[in-house]
Amino acid sequence: MINKKLIKDLLNESACSHNKEKKSSCDKPKPGATSGGCAFEGAQIALFPYADAVHLVHGPDTCLGASWETRATLTSWEGENNTPLGYCTNVTTQDIIFGGDKKLNDALNYIWEHKNPKAIFVYETCVTAMIGDNIDYICKEAQERFSIPVVAVHSPGFVGGKNLGSRLAGEAVLDALVGTREPESIHPYGINLIGDYNVTGDMWQYKPILERIGIKVVATLSGDGRIDQIQQAHSAKLNVIVCAKSLITLCRKMQERYNIPYVSVSFYGKRDTSNAIRSIVNAFGDKTLIQKAESIITEEEALLEKRLEPYRHLLAGKKAILNTGGNKSWSIASALQDIGIEVVATSIRKATEEDIAIAKTYVPILMKVPANEQAKLIDEHHVDILLAGGRSLYTALKKRIAFVDVNQEKKVSYGAYGGLENLAIDVCAALSNPVFKIAGTQAPWEIMEANG
């Protein structure tokens, strides 16, 4: 069942900087506000990258259809990848009247018999929350029957937005999985990566670098995640929040429960990647580890500069506007600056107060309503390129400027040193592509009509 006190605590997370100074809710729900992404969707985003688990939506199939496969979260899992597969109980009007408990139980039995998962996540939705299905009891009974974790995720859409949903997912994982399996050995420099969903393989850009330094990734929540790893996450020595702050509550509670400190970093751009590595090794305080990290940073930066050299002349003096959400409002801005682009403005429409504070240090203009502002700013500042989600492509075509999709629909990684090179390649390709200038011109027959 929905825990109202838990939701209230999550909305007023003490680890958020803006709540330390004043009580301002992180993600207070407003009527209609969840149309851009509800708590249910946020919970799925946080947990879907566990490819060795099955994710069962207990609700109407429209809930699953509206949120399924929303991010290209890559996995190295060699078994059946359940992330791109949709499982739903398909609650109907009859189930609303008589209850959907039996349908949920039957679905769990089917999954166990046919899929052999390492765990099952059961997502409560608005409908099943309101009709009062006893999801906790059914999950507990199924867990005893199957001898695998069956985790109820209480994140119906009406309680708030995606950020809150991710926090509720973190609570479910913390209570049901973390600390339930002991490791064979404990690594002195073990870390958990929290909040990186490995979209287009971002995590794979920097994880090998950390391993070269001598750091072991114990568990990831949730990109390329494994159930047995998160069960052992309590054995790590440090939690590393990557960009997204939606799981900061999980880190704070792991610090309180298991004495694991946490740092917050970004792996977008050369500067922030190098600073992220330094933050991690400095948290351990080992001089040998720090020296090795500095040596590898110097090596990686030098190699990156050589690879970026062919693109510098085309990127010099170019101006960009960034219209994306959350931490990307500043993290991608940092990456763009590292390849020599001036970022004129960035959108903060979906950013947290902490993201907004960080964005101010990178970009001079913060757009609250980008749909109303970005076209005007493109004209005023003679912007060369717009980086945003696919819905902003029309603005770029109308203004005859280049466009790059940097949302979760992007095809390649922009993370860490290798990803910065990918970003430079994509931006140069867009700036050199004639279609953006041609598409905004008059058609030949329009020119003929205009000339009589």
Protein backbone atom coordinates (compact mmCIF):
# COMPACT_ATOMS: atom_id res chain seq x y z
CA MET A 1 0.00 0.00 0.00
CA ILE A 2 1.02 3.62 -0.49
CA ASN A 3 3.07 4.98 2.40
CA LYS A 4 2.03 8.64 2.71
CA LYS A 5 4.69 9.41 5.31
CA LEU A 6 7.41 7.99 3.07
CA ILE A 7 6.23 10.10 0.13
CA LYS A 8 6.22 13.22 2.29
CA ASP A 9 9.78 12.47 3.47
CA LEU A 10 10.96 11.86 -0.10
CA LEU A 11 9.47 15.16 -1.23
CA ASN A 12 11.42 16.93 1.51
CA GLU A 13 14.71 15.06 1.18
CA SER A 14 17.18 16.46 3.72
CA ALA A 15 20.18 15.68 1.48
CA CYS A 16 18.95 18.12 -1.18
CA SER A 17 20.75 21.44 -0.79
CA HIS A 18 17.60 23.55 -1.26
CA ASN A 19 15.90 21.71 1.61
CA LYS A 20 18.76 22.43 3.97
CA GLU A 21 18.11 26.15 3.71
CA LYS A 22 14.36 26.22 3.18
CA LYS A 23 11.61 23.64 3.05
CA SER A 24 10.68 23.54 -0.63
CA SER A 25 9.30 20.26 -1.93
CA CYS A 26 11.54 18.49 -4.45
CA ASP A 27 8.74 17.17 -6.61
CA LYS A 28 5.41 18.25 -5.19
CA PRO A 29 2.59 16.94 -7.42
CA LYS A 30 0.34 19.46 -9.13
CA PRO A 31 -2.88 18.76 -11.03
CA GLY A 32 -1.98 17.78 -14.59
CA ALA A 33 1.77 18.07 -14.00
CA THR A 34 2.37 14.33 -14.31
CA SER A 35 1.29 14.33 -17.96
CA GLY A 36 4.97 14.86 -18.80
CA GLY A 37 6.02 11.78 -16.84
CA CYS A 38 4.46 10.30 -13.73
CA ALA A 39 5.86 8.49 -10.69
CA PHE A 40 5.12 5.12 -12.26
CA GLU A 41 7.25 5.99 -15.29
CA GLY A 42 10.05 7.27 -13.05
CA ALA A 43 10.12 4.00 -11.11
CA GLN A 44 10.32 2.01 -14.33
CA ILE A 45 13.16 4.16 -15.66
CA ALA A 46 15.12 3.52 -12.46
CA LEU A 47 14.66 -0.26 -12.45
CA PHE A 48 14.20 -1.38 -16.07
CA PRO A 49 17.97 -1.67 -16.73
CA TYR A 50 18.02 -4.79 -14.52
CA ALA A 51 17.91 -7.16 -17.49
CA ASP A 52 17.99 -10.33 -15.37
CA ALA A 53 14.70 -9.38 -13.69
CA VAL A 54 11.19 -9.36 -15.07
CA HIS A 55 9.24 -6.11 -14.75
CA LEU A 56 5.50 -6.71 -14.33
CA VAL A 57 3.07 -3.79 -14.53
CA HIS A 58 -0.07 -4.42 -12.49
CA GLY A 59 -2.56 -2.17 -14.22
CA PRO A 60 -4.21 -1.43 -17.59
CA ASP A 61 -2.08 -2.16 -20.63
CA THR A 62 -2.19 1.55 -21.52
CA CYS A 63 0.14 2.25 -18.57
CA LEU A 64 2.70 -0.13 -20.02
CA GLY A 65 2.21 1.13 -23.56
CA ALA A 66 2.80 4.75 -22.56
CA SER A 67 6.09 4.08 -20.79
CA TRP A 68 7.58 0.86 -22.13
CA GLU A 69 11.08 0.92 -23.64
CA THR A 70 11.47 4.65 -23.08
CA ARG A 71 15.28 4.60 -22.95
CA ALA A 72 17.95 2.71 -24.88
CA THR A 73 19.52 1.26 -21.75
CA LEU A 74 22.20 -1.17 -22.92
CA THR A 75 23.19 -4.31 -21.06
CA SER A 76 25.96 -6.91 -21.22
CA TRP A 77 23.66 -9.57 -19.70
CA GLU A 78 24.07 -12.75 -21.77
CA GLY A 79 20.76 -14.33 -20.78
CA GLU A 80 17.32 -13.29 -21.99
CA ASN A 81 17.13 -9.50 -21.82
CA ASN A 82 13.84 -8.64 -20.14
CA THR A 83 14.37 -4.87 -20.35
CA PRO A 84 12.80 -4.42 -23.81
CA LEU A 85 10.00 -6.89 -23.04
CA GLY A 86 6.70 -5.64 -21.68
CA TYR A 87 4.78 -7.65 -19.06
CA CYS A 88 1.37 -6.47 -17.89
CA THR A 89 -1.61 -7.94 -16.01
CA ASN A 90 -3.99 -5.87 -18.19
CA VAL A 91 -6.48 -4.92 -15.50
CA THR A 92 -9.97 -4.52 -16.96
CA THR A 93 -13.29 -3.08 -15.77
CA GLN A 94 -14.23 -6.48 -14.33
CA ASP A 95 -11.00 -6.55 -12.30
CA ILE A 96 -11.72 -3.06 -11.01
CA ILE A 97 -15.07 -4.30 -9.71
CA PHE A 98 -13.99 -7.67 -8.31
CA GLY A 99 -10.28 -7.02 -7.65
CA GLY A 100 -7.16 -7.92 -9.63
CA ASP A 101 -5.41 -10.08 -7.02
CA LYS A 102 -5.99 -13.38 -8.84
CA LYS A 103 -4.83 -11.96 -12.14
CA LEU A 104 -1.62 -10.71 -10.52
CA ASN A 105 -0.99 -14.08 -8.86
CA ASP A 106 -1.57 -15.91 -12.17
CA ALA A 107 0.83 -13.53 -13.95
CA LEU A 108 3.55 -14.17 -11.36
CA ASN A 109 3.12 -17.93 -11.74
CA TYR A 110 3.40 -17.63 -15.52
CA ILE A 111 6.57 -15.54 -15.30
CA TRP A 112 8.19 -17.99 -12.90
CA GLU A 113 7.36 -21.00 -15.04
CA HIS A 114 8.38 -19.53 -18.40
CA LYS A 115 11.08 -16.90 -17.73
CA ASN A 116 13.14 -18.11 -14.75
CA PRO A 117 14.12 -14.55 -13.67
CA LYS A 118 16.53 -13.57 -10.91
CA ALA A 119 13.83 -11.31 -9.46
CA ILE A 120 10.41 -9.87 -10.32
CA PHE A 121 9.45 -6.22 -9.87
CA VAL A 122 5.71 -5.58 -9.59
CA TYR A 123 4.67 -2.00 -10.35
CA GLU A 124 1.54 -0.61 -8.75
CA THR A 125 -0.36 1.83 -10.98
CA CYS A 126 -3.10 4.40 -10.36
CA VAL A 127 -5.92 1.93 -10.98
CA THR A 128 -4.63 -0.88 -8.77
CA ALA A 129 -3.72 1.58 -6.02
CA MET A 130 -7.26 2.96 -5.98
CA ILE A 131 -9.05 -0.41 -6.01
CA GLY A 132 -6.83 -1.59 -3.16
CA ASP A 133 -5.26 -4.80 -4.49
CA ASN A 134 -3.13 -6.43 -1.79
CA ILE A 135 0.10 -6.34 -3.79
CA ASP A 136 2.40 -6.63 -0.77
CA TYR A 137 0.83 -9.90 0.40
CA ILE A 138 0.80 -11.43 -3.08
CA CYS A 139 4.46 -10.52 -3.66
CA LYS A 140 5.50 -11.85 -0.26
CA GLU A 141 3.69 -15.15 -0.83
CA ALA A 142 5.18 -15.48 -4.35
CA GLN A 143 8.68 -14.77 -3.02
CA GLU A 144 8.35 -17.61 -0.51
CA ARG A 145 7.06 -19.91 -3.26
CA PHE A 146 9.70 -19.09 -5.87
CA SER A 147 12.69 -18.39 -3.55
CA ILE A 148 13.60 -15.25 -5.53
CA PRO A 149 12.97 -11.58 -4.67
CA VAL A 150 9.48 -10.44 -5.71
CA VAL A 151 9.51 -6.70 -5.08
CA ALA A 152 6.39 -4.52 -4.89
CA VAL A 153 7.07 -1.01 -6.22
CA HIS A 154 4.44 1.41 -4.90
CA SER A 155 4.66 4.27 -7.37
CA PRO A 156 1.21 4.99 -8.83
CA GLY A 157 1.31 7.91 -11.20
CA PHE A 158 -0.94 10.22 -9.20
CA VAL A 159 1.50 10.59 -6.27
CA GLY A 160 3.91 12.79 -8.26
CA GLY A 161 6.37 13.11 -11.13
CA LYS A 162 9.21 10.97 -12.47
CA ASN A 163 11.73 12.19 -9.93
CA LEU A 164 9.58 10.99 -7.03
CA GLY A 165 8.96 7.69 -8.82
CA SER A 166 12.70 7.07 -9.08
CA ARG A 167 13.05 7.72 -5.36
CA LEU A 168 10.24 5.30 -4.59
CA ALA A 169 12.00 2.70 -6.72
CA GLY A 170 15.18 3.32 -4.76
CA GLU A 171 13.28 2.75 -1.52
CA ALA A 172 11.92 -0.55 -2.81
CA VAL A 173 15.39 -1.75 -3.80
CA LEU A 174 16.94 -0.63 -0.52
CA ASP A 175 14.37 -2.44 1.61
CA ALA A 176 14.03 -5.61 -0.49
CA LEU A 177 17.47 -6.22 -2.04
CA VAL A 178 20.41 -4.29 -0.61
CA GLY A 179 22.21 -6.24 2.10
CA THR A 180 20.50 -9.57 1.41
CA ARG A 181 23.62 -11.31 0.02
CA GLU A 182 27.16 -11.28 1.37
CA PRO A 183 30.11 -11.03 -1.06
CA GLU A 184 32.93 -13.59 -1.20
CA SER A 185 35.42 -10.77 -0.64
CA ILE A 186 35.34 -7.02 -0.04
CA HIS A 187 37.38 -4.79 -2.34
CA PRO A 188 39.17 -1.89 -0.60
CA TYR A 189 38.19 0.48 -3.41
CA GLY A 190 34.71 -0.81 -4.20
CA ILE A 191 32.06 1.66 -5.40
CA ASN A 192 28.40 1.64 -6.40
CA LEU A 193 27.39 3.67 -9.45
CA ILE A 194 24.01 5.27 -8.71
CA GLY A 195 21.76 7.03 -11.22
CA ASP A 196 23.49 6.18 -14.51
CA TYR A 197 21.06 4.24 -16.69
CA ASN A 198 23.74 3.39 -19.30
CA VAL A 199 21.77 5.07 -22.06
CA THR A 200 23.59 4.25 -25.33
CA GLY A 201 26.42 2.82 -23.21
CA ASP A 202 27.49 5.95 -21.29
CA MET A 203 28.70 3.86 -18.35
CA TRP A 204 30.95 1.76 -20.58
CA GLN A 205 32.88 4.91 -21.52
CA TYR A 206 34.24 5.53 -18.02
CA LYS A 207 33.92 2.23 -16.14
CA PRO A 208 37.05 0.74 -17.83
CA ILE A 209 39.02 3.86 -16.82
CA LEU A 210 38.01 3.43 -13.19
CA GLU A 211 39.01 -0.24 -13.34
CA ARG A 212 42.43 0.70 -14.77
CA ILE A 213 42.97 2.97 -11.79
CA GLY A 214 42.18 0.09 -9.42
CA ILE A 215 38.56 0.80 -8.52
CA LYS A 216 36.00 -2.01 -8.58
CA VAL A 217 32.35 -1.35 -9.42
CA VAL A 218 30.47 -3.51 -6.92
CA ALA A 219 26.97 -2.68 -8.18
CA THR A 220 25.17 -0.32 -10.49
CA LEU A 221 21.74 1.14 -9.92
CA SER A 222 20.69 0.74 -12.45
CA GLY A 223 22.51 0.78 -15.80
CA ASP A 224 23.68 -2.71 -16.84
CA GLY A 225 22.56 -3.81 -13.37
CA ARG A 226 22.38 -7.29 -11.87
CA ILE A 227 20.18 -8.42 -9.01
CA ASP A 228 22.94 -10.29 -7.16
CA GLN A 229 25.20 -7.22 -7.39
CA ILE A 230 22.69 -4.83 -5.84
CA GLN A 231 22.11 -7.42 -3.10
CA GLN A 232 25.82 -7.02 -2.26
CA ALA A 233 25.87 -3.23 -2.68
CA HIS A 234 26.19 -2.74 1.09
CA SER A 235 29.79 -4.00 0.86
CA ALA A 236 30.97 -1.03 -1.25
CA LYS A 237 33.11 1.69 0.30
CA LEU A 238 31.65 4.60 -1.67
CA ASN A 239 28.46 5.49 -3.52
CA VAL A 240 28.91 7.59 -6.66
CA ILE A 241 25.84 9.53 -7.83
CA VAL A 242 26.22 10.09 -11.56
CA CYS A 243 24.51 13.33 -12.63
CA ALA A 244 20.93 12.47 -11.60
CA LYS A 245 19.97 13.37 -8.03
CA SER A 246 16.73 11.39 -8.06
CA LEU A 247 18.36 8.58 -6.05
CA ILE A 248 20.07 10.78 -3.48
CA THR A 249 17.73 9.47 -0.79
CA LEU A 250 18.99 5.95 -1.45
CA CYS A 251 22.58 7.15 -0.97
CA ARG A 252 21.77 9.03 2.21
CA LYS A 253 20.02 6.03 3.74
CA MET A 254 22.85 3.69 2.74
CA GLN A 255 25.22 6.07 4.50
CA GLU A 256 23.09 5.96 7.61
CA ARG A 257 22.50 2.20 7.47
CA TYR A 258 25.84 0.89 6.16
CA ASN A 259 28.20 3.83 6.75
CA ILE A 260 28.85 4.29 3.01
CA PRO A 261 29.67 7.92 2.09
CA TYR A 262 28.66 9.33 -1.30
CA VAL A 263 29.90 11.83 -3.85
CA SER A 264 28.04 13.42 -6.76
CA VAL A 265 29.77 13.64 -10.14
CA SER A 266 29.20 14.09 -13.87
CA PHE A 267 30.94 12.22 -16.68
CA TYR A 268 29.97 14.61 -19.47
CA GLY A 269 32.84 16.57 -20.97
CA LYS A 270 36.59 16.50 -20.41
CA ARG A 271 36.68 18.77 -17.35
CA ASP A 272 33.84 17.08 -15.51
CA THR A 273 35.07 13.57 -16.32
CA SER A 274 38.52 14.37 -14.92
CA ASN A 275 36.99 16.04 -11.87
CA ALA A 276 34.69 13.04 -11.36
CA ILE A 277 37.64 10.66 -11.29
CA ARG A 278 39.45 12.94 -8.85
CA SER A 279 36.39 13.14 -6.58
CA ILE A 280 36.19 9.35 -6.43
CA VAL A 281 39.87 8.66 -5.69
CA ASN A 282 40.10 11.59 -3.26
CA ALA A 283 37.20 10.12 -1.29
CA PHE A 284 39.36 7.07 -0.59
CA GLY A 285 42.33 9.23 0.42
CA ASP A 286 44.95 6.77 -0.84
CA LYS A 287 48.02 8.60 -2.24
CA THR A 288 49.03 5.75 -4.54
CA LEU A 289 45.51 5.57 -5.97
CA ILE A 290 45.41 9.36 -6.44
CA GLN A 291 48.77 9.38 -8.25
CA LYS A 292 47.71 6.59 -10.57
CA ALA A 293 44.47 8.42 -11.30
CA GLU A 294 46.32 11.64 -12.18
CA SER A 295 48.63 9.73 -14.51
CA ILE A 296 45.69 8.13 -16.34
CA ILE A 297 43.79 11.44 -16.49
CA THR A 298 46.81 13.15 -18.10
CA GLU A 299 47.12 10.31 -20.59
CA GLU A 300 43.41 10.26 -21.48
CA GLU A 301 43.18 14.06 -21.86
CA ALA A 302 46.20 14.14 -24.17
CA LEU A 303 44.76 11.39 -26.38
CA LEU A 304 41.39 13.15 -26.45
CA GLU A 305 42.90 16.46 -27.55
CA LYS A 306 44.63 14.74 -30.46
CA ARG A 307 41.34 13.16 -31.53
CA LEU A 308 39.46 16.48 -31.23
CA GLU A 309 42.00 18.49 -33.22
CA PRO A 310 40.42 17.84 -36.65
CA TYR A 311 37.10 19.27 -35.44
CA ARG A 312 38.32 22.38 -33.63
CA HIS A 313 38.41 24.68 -36.67
CA LEU A 314 34.79 23.94 -37.60
CA LEU A 315 33.55 24.32 -34.02
CA ALA A 316 35.42 27.55 -33.24
CA GLY A 317 33.10 30.50 -32.67
CA LYS A 318 29.88 28.47 -32.94
CA LYS A 319 26.94 29.20 -30.68
CA ALA A 320 24.40 26.71 -29.35
CA ILE A 321 21.16 26.53 -27.43
CA LEU A 322 20.46 23.47 -25.29
CA ASN A 323 16.87 22.36 -24.70
CA THR A 324 16.83 19.16 -22.68
CA GLY A 325 15.90 18.16 -19.14
CA GLY A 326 17.22 17.55 -15.64
CA ASN A 327 20.96 17.28 -15.13
CA LYS A 328 21.57 17.45 -18.90
CA SER A 329 20.70 21.16 -18.69
CA TRP A 330 24.23 21.68 -17.38
CA SER A 331 26.18 18.45 -17.98
CA ILE A 332 25.86 18.60 -21.77
CA ALA A 333 26.48 22.34 -21.65
CA SER A 334 29.83 21.57 -20.02
CA ALA A 335 30.65 19.04 -22.75
CA LEU A 336 29.77 21.54 -25.50
CA GLN A 337 32.03 24.14 -23.95
CA ASP A 338 34.86 21.60 -23.86
CA ILE A 339 34.69 21.21 -27.65
CA GLY A 340 34.78 24.99 -28.13
CA ILE A 341 31.10 25.90 -28.46
CA GLU A 342 29.52 28.86 -26.70
CA VAL A 343 26.28 27.77 -25.00
CA VAL A 344 23.95 30.78 -25.08
CA ALA A 345 20.99 29.31 -23.19
CA THR A 346 19.74 26.09 -21.62
CA SER A 347 16.32 24.83 -20.59
CA ILE A 348 15.51 24.32 -16.90
CA ARG A 349 11.87 23.33 -17.38
CA LYS A 350 12.39 19.80 -15.97
CA ALA A 351 15.38 20.57 -13.77
CA THR A 352 15.52 20.34 -9.98
CA GLU A 353 16.50 23.38 -7.92
CA GLU A 354 19.97 21.92 -7.50
CA ASP A 355 20.30 21.41 -11.25
CA ILE A 356 19.24 25.02 -11.78
CA ALA A 357 21.89 26.26 -9.34
CA ILE A 358 24.59 24.28 -11.17
CA ALA A 359 23.32 25.37 -14.60
CA LYS A 360 23.77 29.01 -13.60
CA THR A 361 27.52 28.40 -13.28
CA TYR A 362 27.75 27.12 -16.85
CA VAL A 363 25.20 29.05 -18.92
CA PRO A 364 24.15 32.75 -18.79
CA ILE A 365 20.51 32.34 -19.89
CA LEU A 366 18.15 29.81 -18.32
CA MET A 367 14.93 29.16 -20.26
CA LYS A 368 11.88 28.41 -18.13
CA VAL A 369 9.51 27.95 -21.09
CA PRO A 370 11.78 27.00 -24.00
CA ALA A 371 8.88 26.63 -26.45
CA ASN A 372 8.29 30.37 -26.10
CA GLU A 373 11.90 31.48 -25.75
CA GLN A 374 14.28 29.45 -27.89
CA ALA A 375 13.19 30.76 -31.31
CA LYS A 376 13.64 34.37 -30.19
CA LEU A 377 17.05 33.62 -28.63
CA ILE A 378 18.21 31.91 -31.82
CA ASP A 379 17.58 35.12 -33.75
CA GLU A 380 18.95 37.49 -31.12
CA HIS A 381 22.23 35.64 -30.57
CA HIS A 382 22.74 34.29 -34.12
CA VAL A 383 22.80 30.72 -32.83
CA ASP A 384 24.31 28.06 -35.11
CA ILE A 385 22.94 24.85 -33.62
CA LEU A 386 20.11 23.63 -31.41
CA LEU A 387 20.66 20.53 -29.26
CA ALA A 388 17.42 19.11 -27.86
CA GLY A 389 14.88 16.30 -28.08
CA GLY A 390 13.19 15.34 -31.32
CA ARG A 391 10.21 17.64 -30.72
CA SER A 392 12.46 20.68 -31.19
CA LEU A 393 13.62 19.62 -34.65
CA TYR A 394 10.90 21.76 -36.30
CA THR A 395 12.28 24.89 -34.60
CA ALA A 396 15.74 24.18 -36.03
CA LEU A 397 14.35 23.59 -39.53
CA LYS A 398 12.22 26.73 -39.34
CA LYS A 399 15.21 28.81 -38.24
CA ARG A 400 17.52 27.07 -40.73
CA ILE A 401 20.10 26.08 -38.11
CA ALA A 402 21.72 22.71 -37.38
CA PHE A 403 20.15 20.23 -34.96
CA VAL A 404 21.40 17.31 -32.82
CA ASP A 405 19.17 15.04 -30.72
CA VAL A 406 20.77 14.73 -27.26
CA ASN A 407 17.87 13.15 -25.36
CA GLN A 408 17.58 9.46 -24.51
CA GLU A 409 16.69 8.74 -28.16
CA LYS A 410 20.26 9.54 -29.22
CA LYS A 411 22.13 6.75 -30.99
CA VAL A 412 25.66 7.06 -29.54
CA SER A 413 27.14 7.79 -26.14
CA TYR A 414 28.30 11.29 -25.20
CA GLY A 415 29.74 10.18 -21.86
CA ALA A 416 33.34 10.64 -20.65
CA TYR A 417 36.35 11.20 -22.94
CA GLY A 418 35.27 8.87 -25.75
CA GLY A 419 31.75 10.26 -25.69
CA LEU A 420 33.02 13.83 -26.04
CA GLU A 421 34.63 12.85 -29.32
CA ASN A 422 31.28 11.35 -30.42
CA LEU A 423 29.57 14.64 -29.54
CA ALA A 424 32.11 16.62 -31.56
CA ILE A 425 31.60 14.32 -34.56
CA ASP A 426 27.79 14.64 -34.40
CA VAL A 427 27.86 18.42 -33.97
CA CYS A 428 30.29 18.85 -36.88
CA ALA A 429 28.15 16.55 -39.05
CA ALA A 430 25.05 18.62 -38.24
CA LEU A 431 26.81 21.94 -38.90
CA SER A 432 28.04 20.62 -42.27
CA ASN A 433 24.71 19.11 -43.28
CA PRO A 434 23.06 21.30 -45.96
CA VAL A 435 19.56 19.97 -45.25
CA PHE A 436 19.00 22.37 -42.34
CA LYS A 437 19.54 25.42 -44.56
CA ILE A 438 17.73 23.98 -47.57
CA ALA A 439 14.66 22.86 -45.61
CA GLY A 440 13.92 26.41 -44.51
CA THR A 441 14.01 27.92 -47.99
CA GLN A 442 11.11 28.36 -50.39
CA ALA A 443 10.30 25.50 -52.75
CA PRO A 444 11.00 26.16 -56.47
CA TRP A 445 7.29 26.49 -57.25
CA GLU A 446 6.86 28.96 -54.40
CA ILE A 447 9.65 31.10 -55.83
CA MET A 448 8.02 30.98 -59.27
CA GLU A 449 4.66 32.03 -57.83
CA ALA A 450 6.30 34.88 -55.87
CA ASN A 451 7.99 36.15 -59.05
CA GLY A 452 4.75 36.03 -60.97
